[in-house]
Amino acid sequence: MLNFDEQRFLRIQAGAVALRERLDRVICDCLSAGAENIHFLGTGGAAILMQPAAQLLQRQSRFPTFIDMPAELVLTGSANLTKKSIVVMPSLSGTTKESVALLARMKEIGASVITLVGHAETPLGQGGDHTFVNFAEDDTSCESFYLQSLFIALAILRHRGEIANYSEISAELERLPALLLEVKRAYEPKAEDFARRLAASDYHIITGAGNVWPEAFYYGMCILEEMQWIRTRPVHASDFFHGTLELIEKDVSVILFKGEDALRPLAERVENFAPGYTDKMTVLDTAGFDLPGISAEVRALISPVLLATVLERISAHLEVMRNHPLTTRRYYKRVAY
């Protein structure tokens, strides 16, 4: 595979899976101590990657679940953030300034803070009440964060008696690192063609629904915009027909991500409409990825993980094709802002 270290990938994703049991124990302890709600409080891309787990809890648990922006909470606070809150703060670098600022406020409140970081010797790595460290870099962090947040959500469901087959789901997830590698290998021959479609336009509408919508948002903002300087318009598939459809014409690129959860019909609605008005419709569907031994229920849970692992292959080809390394920045962490 192009510019890819297989063993490094396996090591990082296996590291995320290895955190499951401790995450489960920490959540159990927090709930036993009287936790009344959970807040997923990341910044930027890391925040987006928490959305599928938050959505899972909001739809399958009565445990109050919030997702908010640290930059806003530092200024406004929240009546729902108390000493009986569980706070999840992801940051690959462990130094994200908005999150670091909020961490100090969380200490004052007395909330139980879980930090998910790639580096221990950092403000967030050292500042959490419960710190989980799994080294990753930009090309491997999505799967890692998706899995860690999913383990947190599943643990809440388990200890509240809101899920009956936790053990079976966990056993399947244990197998995921090796299966993801096989998905990458299988998709590699197709990755260059998808990258060519991305390179052919300087503007893309990117859409999806359910738990893959965050990946559409993330890929548009954090990869195509930040790392490739390609303009995008991420829009949820349920909002596509409330404004964005008017932008569709022959040469407008529409990128559709399809997952396998209950919201798949919203993506299919876009898929049925757009090709009648543009000749640049591209679909990436997780249902086409082979995952031996993984149940339909778990496939639905990990659809955003599957997309992330395939999109990394596409990005690897895109940066070479455009002669624009994914690490190149003009402003991000380079100038004052």
Protein backbone atom coordinates (compact mmCIF):
# COMPACT_ATOMS: atom_id res chain seq x y z
CA MET A 1 0.00 0.00 0.00
CA LEU A 2 1.17 3.51 -0.85
CA ASN A 3 3.13 5.20 1.97
CA PHE A 4 1.69 2.95 4.65
CA ASP A 5 3.21 1.11 7.62
CA GLU A 6 0.99 -1.87 8.35
CA GLN A 7 2.56 -2.79 11.69
CA ARG A 8 2.31 0.77 12.95
CA PHE A 9 -1.38 0.84 12.08
CA LEU A 10 -2.04 -2.47 13.83
CA ARG A 11 -0.12 -1.33 16.91
CA ILE A 12 -2.12 1.90 17.23
CA GLN A 13 -5.56 0.37 16.70
CA ALA A 14 -4.73 -2.57 18.97
CA GLY A 15 -3.69 0.03 21.54
CA ALA A 16 -7.14 1.62 21.33
CA VAL A 17 -8.87 -1.75 21.73
CA ALA A 18 -6.64 -2.55 24.71
CA LEU A 19 -8.11 0.44 26.58
CA ARG A 20 -11.63 -1.01 26.60
CA GLU A 21 -11.49 -2.87 29.91
CA ARG A 22 -10.03 0.06 31.83
CA LEU A 23 -12.50 2.46 30.25
CA ASP A 24 -15.28 0.13 31.36
CA ARG A 25 -13.97 0.09 34.94
CA VAL A 26 -13.64 3.87 35.10
CA ILE A 27 -17.18 4.38 33.80
CA CYS A 28 -18.44 1.82 36.33
CA ASP A 29 -16.69 3.67 39.15
CA CYS A 30 -18.09 7.03 38.02
CA LEU A 31 -21.63 5.70 37.80
CA SER A 32 -21.30 3.98 41.18
CA ALA A 33 -20.14 7.29 42.67
CA GLY A 34 -23.36 8.97 41.51
CA ALA A 35 -22.52 10.48 38.10
CA GLU A 36 -25.61 12.09 36.65
CA ASN A 37 -24.58 12.91 33.07
CA ILE A 38 -21.75 12.76 30.55
CA HIS A 39 -20.27 15.55 28.41
CA PHE A 40 -18.10 14.96 25.33
CA LEU A 41 -15.98 18.11 25.16
CA GLY A 42 -13.41 17.98 22.42
CA THR A 43 -12.11 20.71 20.13
CA GLY A 44 -11.99 20.65 16.33
CA GLY A 45 -11.59 17.29 14.68
CA ALA A 46 -11.33 15.38 17.95
CA ALA A 47 -14.71 16.77 18.96
CA ILE A 48 -16.32 15.63 15.71
CA LEU A 49 -15.02 12.11 16.28
CA MET A 50 -16.95 11.92 19.57
CA GLN A 51 -20.30 12.52 17.88
CA PRO A 52 -21.20 8.90 17.00
CA ALA A 53 -20.73 7.80 20.62
CA ALA A 54 -22.77 10.74 21.91
CA GLN A 55 -25.48 9.99 19.36
CA LEU A 56 -25.57 6.33 20.42
CA LEU A 57 -26.17 7.30 24.03
CA GLN A 58 -28.73 9.96 23.20
CA ARG A 59 -30.77 7.41 21.24
CA GLN A 60 -30.34 4.25 23.31
CA SER A 61 -29.84 5.45 26.88
CA ARG A 62 -31.74 7.61 29.33
CA PHE A 63 -28.41 8.78 30.77
CA PRO A 64 -28.21 12.50 29.91
CA THR A 65 -25.56 13.03 27.26
CA PHE A 66 -24.21 16.37 26.06
CA ILE A 67 -21.72 17.40 23.40
CA ASP A 68 -20.46 20.98 23.36
CA MET A 69 -17.54 23.21 22.37
CA PRO A 70 -14.91 24.02 25.02
CA ALA A 71 -14.30 27.45 23.48
CA GLU A 72 -17.93 28.34 24.21
CA LEU A 73 -18.15 26.67 27.60
CA VAL A 74 -15.12 28.58 28.87
CA LEU A 75 -17.09 31.77 28.21
CA THR A 76 -20.59 30.66 29.18
CA GLY A 77 -20.40 27.61 31.43
CA SER A 78 -23.30 25.16 31.56
CA ALA A 79 -25.91 24.46 34.19
CA ASN A 80 -25.52 20.77 33.34
CA LEU A 81 -21.81 20.66 34.16
CA THR A 82 -21.49 19.79 37.84
CA LYS A 83 -19.36 17.77 40.21
CA LYS A 84 -21.57 14.82 39.25
CA SER A 85 -20.66 15.05 35.56
CA ILE A 86 -18.40 12.75 33.59
CA VAL A 87 -16.37 14.84 31.15
CA VAL A 88 -14.61 13.24 28.17
CA MET A 89 -11.88 15.41 26.63
CA PRO A 90 -10.08 14.04 23.56
CA SER A 91 -6.96 15.69 22.16
CA LEU A 92 -4.36 13.89 20.09
CA SER A 93 -1.64 16.41 20.97
CA GLY A 94 -2.83 16.84 24.55
CA THR A 95 -2.16 20.55 24.17
CA THR A 96 -5.27 21.94 22.39
CA LYS A 97 -5.55 25.38 23.94
CA GLU A 98 -9.35 25.59 24.12
CA SER A 99 -9.50 22.21 25.84
CA VAL A 100 -6.67 23.06 28.22
CA ALA A 101 -8.50 26.23 29.23
CA LEU A 102 -11.69 24.27 29.90
CA LEU A 103 -9.80 21.65 31.91
CA ALA A 104 -9.03 24.27 34.54
CA ARG A 105 -12.73 25.11 34.80
CA MET A 106 -13.59 21.41 35.15
CA LYS A 107 -11.15 21.14 38.05
CA GLU A 108 -12.92 24.01 39.80
CA ILE A 109 -16.30 22.36 39.30
CA GLY A 110 -15.05 18.97 40.46
CA ALA A 111 -16.30 16.94 37.49
CA SER A 112 -14.73 13.55 36.77
CA VAL A 113 -12.50 14.21 33.77
CA ILE A 114 -11.50 11.46 31.35
CA THR A 115 -8.82 12.58 28.90
CA LEU A 116 -8.05 10.67 25.70
CA VAL A 117 -4.63 11.71 24.39
CA GLY A 118 -1.76 10.58 22.22
CA HIS A 119 0.93 11.88 24.56
CA ALA A 120 1.10 11.55 28.33
CA GLU A 121 3.51 14.42 29.12
CA THR A 122 1.09 17.15 28.11
CA PRO A 123 -1.41 19.38 29.95
CA LEU A 124 -4.34 17.11 29.12
CA GLY A 125 -2.26 14.00 29.56
CA GLN A 126 -1.34 15.05 33.09
CA GLY A 127 -4.53 16.91 33.98
CA GLY A 128 -7.22 14.27 33.68
CA ASP A 129 -8.60 12.38 36.64
CA HIS A 130 -8.44 9.34 34.36
CA THR A 131 -6.00 9.61 31.48
CA PHE A 132 -5.97 7.21 28.56
CA VAL A 133 -2.91 7.38 26.34
CA ASN A 134 -2.72 5.80 22.90
CA PHE A 135 -0.07 7.22 20.61
CA ALA A 136 -1.38 8.00 17.15
CA GLU A 137 -0.81 10.50 14.39
CA ASP A 138 -3.20 12.25 12.05
CA ASP A 139 -3.47 9.30 9.67
CA THR A 140 -4.37 6.82 12.44
CA SER A 141 -6.16 8.89 15.07
CA CYS A 142 -9.71 8.69 13.69
CA GLU A 143 -10.15 4.97 14.24
CA SER A 144 -8.52 5.21 17.66
CA PHE A 145 -10.78 8.01 18.89
CA TYR A 146 -13.90 6.46 17.39
CA LEU A 147 -13.19 3.20 19.19
CA GLN A 148 -12.34 4.75 22.55
CA SER A 149 -15.49 6.86 22.58
CA LEU A 150 -17.56 3.85 21.49
CA PHE A 151 -16.17 1.86 24.42
CA ILE A 152 -17.23 4.65 26.77
CA ALA A 153 -20.77 4.68 25.37
CA LEU A 154 -21.04 0.89 25.50
CA ALA A 155 -19.80 0.88 29.10
CA ILE A 156 -22.55 3.29 30.13
CA LEU A 157 -25.15 1.16 28.39
CA ARG A 158 -23.76 -1.95 30.07
CA HIS A 159 -23.66 -0.68 33.63
CA ARG A 160 -27.11 0.87 33.34
CA GLY A 161 -28.58 -2.38 32.05
CA GLU A 162 -29.47 -0.82 28.70
CA ILE A 163 -27.68 -3.34 26.48
CA ALA A 164 -28.04 -7.11 26.57
CA ASN A 165 -25.11 -8.31 24.44
CA TYR A 166 -22.16 -6.23 25.58
CA SER A 167 -19.85 -9.24 25.76
CA GLU A 168 -20.64 -10.35 22.22
CA ILE A 169 -20.15 -6.83 20.82
CA SER A 170 -16.86 -6.44 22.69
CA ALA A 171 -15.58 -9.77 21.40
CA GLU A 172 -16.23 -8.67 17.83
CA LEU A 173 -14.56 -5.30 18.39
CA GLU A 174 -11.43 -7.07 19.67
CA ARG A 175 -10.94 -8.43 16.15
CA LEU A 176 -11.27 -5.08 14.47
CA PRO A 177 -7.63 -3.95 14.06
CA ALA A 178 -6.71 -6.90 11.83
CA LEU A 179 -9.98 -6.65 9.92
CA LEU A 180 -9.46 -2.94 9.28
CA LEU A 181 -6.06 -3.70 7.80
CA GLU A 182 -7.68 -6.17 5.41
CA VAL A 183 -10.26 -3.53 4.45
CA LYS A 184 -7.40 -1.17 3.58
CA ARG A 185 -5.68 -3.82 1.48
CA ALA A 186 -8.86 -4.64 -0.39
CA TYR A 187 -9.68 -1.00 -1.07
CA GLU A 188 -6.19 0.07 -2.17
CA PRO A 189 -6.81 -0.61 -5.90
CA LYS A 190 -9.83 1.72 -5.78
CA ALA A 191 -8.28 4.49 -3.67
CA GLU A 192 -6.41 6.20 -6.49
CA ASP A 193 -9.56 6.55 -8.61
CA PHE A 194 -11.48 8.11 -5.70
CA ALA A 195 -8.57 10.47 -5.05
CA ARG A 196 -8.59 11.47 -8.71
CA ARG A 197 -12.24 12.45 -8.39
CA LEU A 198 -11.41 14.61 -5.37
CA ALA A 199 -8.47 16.22 -7.17
CA ALA A 200 -10.59 16.99 -10.24
CA SER A 201 -12.73 19.61 -8.49
CA ASP A 202 -11.89 22.58 -6.29
CA TYR A 203 -15.25 22.39 -4.49
CA HIS A 204 -17.16 19.43 -3.09
CA ILE A 205 -20.49 18.97 -1.35
CA ILE A 206 -19.95 16.18 1.19
CA THR A 207 -22.91 14.53 2.84
CA GLY A 208 -23.98 11.61 4.98
CA ALA A 209 -26.42 10.70 7.74
CA GLY A 210 -26.51 8.89 11.06
CA ASN A 211 -23.20 7.97 12.62
CA VAL A 212 -21.26 8.53 9.38
CA TRP A 213 -22.31 12.18 9.12
CA PRO A 214 -19.52 13.17 11.54
CA GLU A 215 -16.98 11.49 9.25
CA ALA A 216 -18.32 13.49 6.30
CA PHE A 217 -17.97 16.68 8.35
CA TYR A 218 -14.52 15.66 9.59
CA TYR A 219 -13.16 14.69 6.19
CA GLY A 220 -14.36 17.87 4.57
CA MET A 221 -13.09 20.20 7.30
CA CYS A 222 -9.96 18.51 8.63
CA ILE A 223 -8.60 16.74 5.55
CA LEU A 224 -9.78 18.44 2.39
CA GLU A 225 -9.87 21.96 3.81
CA GLU A 226 -7.08 21.97 6.39
CA MET A 227 -4.68 19.49 4.79
CA GLN A 228 -5.42 19.98 1.09
CA TRP A 229 -6.89 23.51 0.87
CA ILE A 230 -9.86 22.23 -1.14
CA ARG A 231 -13.15 24.04 -0.50
CA THR A 232 -15.97 21.85 0.80
CA ARG A 233 -19.57 22.13 1.90
CA PRO A 234 -20.31 19.41 4.46
CA VAL A 235 -24.08 19.10 4.90
CA HIS A 236 -26.13 16.49 6.74
CA ALA A 237 -28.23 14.40 4.37
CA SER A 238 -31.40 15.39 6.24
CA ASP A 239 -30.58 19.06 5.53
CA PHE A 240 -29.54 18.46 1.93
CA PHE A 241 -33.08 19.10 0.71
CA HIS A 242 -33.46 22.30 2.70
CA GLY A 243 -31.10 24.53 0.76
CA THR A 244 -28.08 22.69 -0.58
CA LEU A 245 -29.98 20.90 -3.36
CA GLU A 246 -30.24 24.26 -5.15
CA LEU A 247 -26.45 24.23 -5.68
CA ILE A 248 -26.54 20.97 -7.64
CA GLU A 249 -25.83 21.30 -11.34
CA LYS A 250 -23.87 19.40 -13.96
CA ASP A 251 -20.30 20.05 -12.81
CA VAL A 252 -20.83 20.18 -9.03
CA SER A 253 -19.13 17.35 -7.16
CA VAL A 254 -21.26 15.53 -4.58
CA ILE A 255 -19.53 13.05 -2.27
CA LEU A 256 -21.93 10.76 -0.37
CA PHE A 257 -20.92 8.59 2.59
CA LYS A 258 -23.29 5.70 3.32
CA GLY A 259 -23.24 3.81 6.60
CA GLU A 260 -25.22 0.84 7.83
CA ASP A 261 -27.27 2.21 10.72
CA ALA A 262 -30.98 3.06 10.76
CA LEU A 263 -30.33 6.43 9.08
CA ARG A 264 -29.13 4.88 5.82
CA PRO A 265 -32.41 5.80 4.02
CA LEU A 266 -31.54 9.50 4.37
CA ALA A 267 -28.36 8.90 2.38
CA GLU A 268 -30.25 6.88 -0.20
CA ARG A 269 -32.59 9.81 -0.74
CA VAL A 270 -29.61 11.96 -1.78
CA GLU A 271 -28.24 9.11 -3.86
CA ASN A 272 -31.51 8.86 -5.75
CA PHE A 273 -31.76 12.61 -6.39
CA ALA A 274 -28.31 13.99 -7.20
CA PRO A 275 -27.35 11.90 -10.28
CA GLY A 276 -30.30 13.37 -12.15
CA TYR A 277 -28.67 16.81 -11.99
CA THR A 278 -24.90 16.29 -11.73
CA ASP A 279 -22.48 13.95 -13.45
CA LYS A 280 -20.08 14.16 -10.52
CA MET A 281 -21.75 11.99 -7.89
CA THR A 282 -19.40 9.72 -5.92
CA VAL A 283 -20.57 7.25 -3.27
CA LEU A 284 -18.51 5.57 -0.56
CA ASP A 285 -20.59 2.82 1.04
CA THR A 286 -19.41 0.78 4.03
CA ALA A 287 -21.73 -2.06 3.02
CA GLY A 288 -19.21 -2.91 0.31
CA PHE A 289 -16.42 -3.70 2.79
CA ASP A 290 -15.89 -7.34 3.74
CA LEU A 291 -15.75 -7.97 7.51
CA PRO A 292 -15.84 -11.73 8.14
CA GLY A 293 -17.49 -12.66 11.43
CA ILE A 294 -18.80 -9.17 12.22
CA SER A 295 -22.53 -8.96 12.88
CA ALA A 296 -24.88 -6.47 11.23
CA GLU A 297 -25.32 -4.75 14.61
CA VAL A 298 -21.59 -4.17 15.05
CA ARG A 299 -21.14 -3.17 11.40
CA ALA A 300 -23.72 -0.45 12.01
CA LEU A 301 -21.81 0.75 15.09
CA ILE A 302 -18.45 0.92 13.32
CA SER A 303 -19.49 2.43 9.98
CA PRO A 304 -17.59 5.67 10.73
CA VAL A 305 -14.49 3.64 11.66
CA LEU A 306 -14.66 1.82 8.34
CA LEU A 307 -14.99 5.07 6.41
CA ALA A 308 -12.04 6.59 8.28
CA THR A 309 -9.80 3.65 7.51
CA VAL A 310 -10.63 3.73 3.78
CA LEU A 311 -10.44 7.51 3.51
CA GLU A 312 -6.89 7.37 4.86
CA ARG A 313 -5.97 5.32 1.78
CA ILE A 314 -7.68 7.85 -0.46
CA SER A 315 -5.84 10.73 1.24
CA ALA A 316 -2.49 8.98 0.80
CA HIS A 317 -3.03 8.97 -2.96
CA LEU A 318 -4.52 12.47 -3.01
CA GLU A 319 -1.49 14.14 -1.43
CA VAL A 320 0.83 12.52 -3.98
CA MET A 321 -1.46 13.27 -6.89
CA ARG A 322 -1.72 16.95 -5.95
CA ASN A 323 1.91 17.24 -4.77
CA HIS A 324 0.50 18.64 -1.54
CA PRO A 325 1.64 16.78 1.62
CA LEU A 326 -1.03 16.36 4.26
CA THR A 327 1.31 18.00 6.76
CA THR A 328 1.54 21.29 4.85
CA ARG A 329 -0.12 24.26 6.60
CA ARG A 330 -0.24 28.00 6.05
CA TYR A 331 -1.77 29.11 9.34
CA TYR A 332 -2.65 26.16 11.59
CA LYS A 333 -0.18 26.18 14.52
CA ARG A 334 2.07 28.44 12.42
CA VAL A 335 0.76 31.93 13.13
CA ALA A 336 -0.95 33.58 16.06
CA TYR A 337 -4.74 33.29 16.12
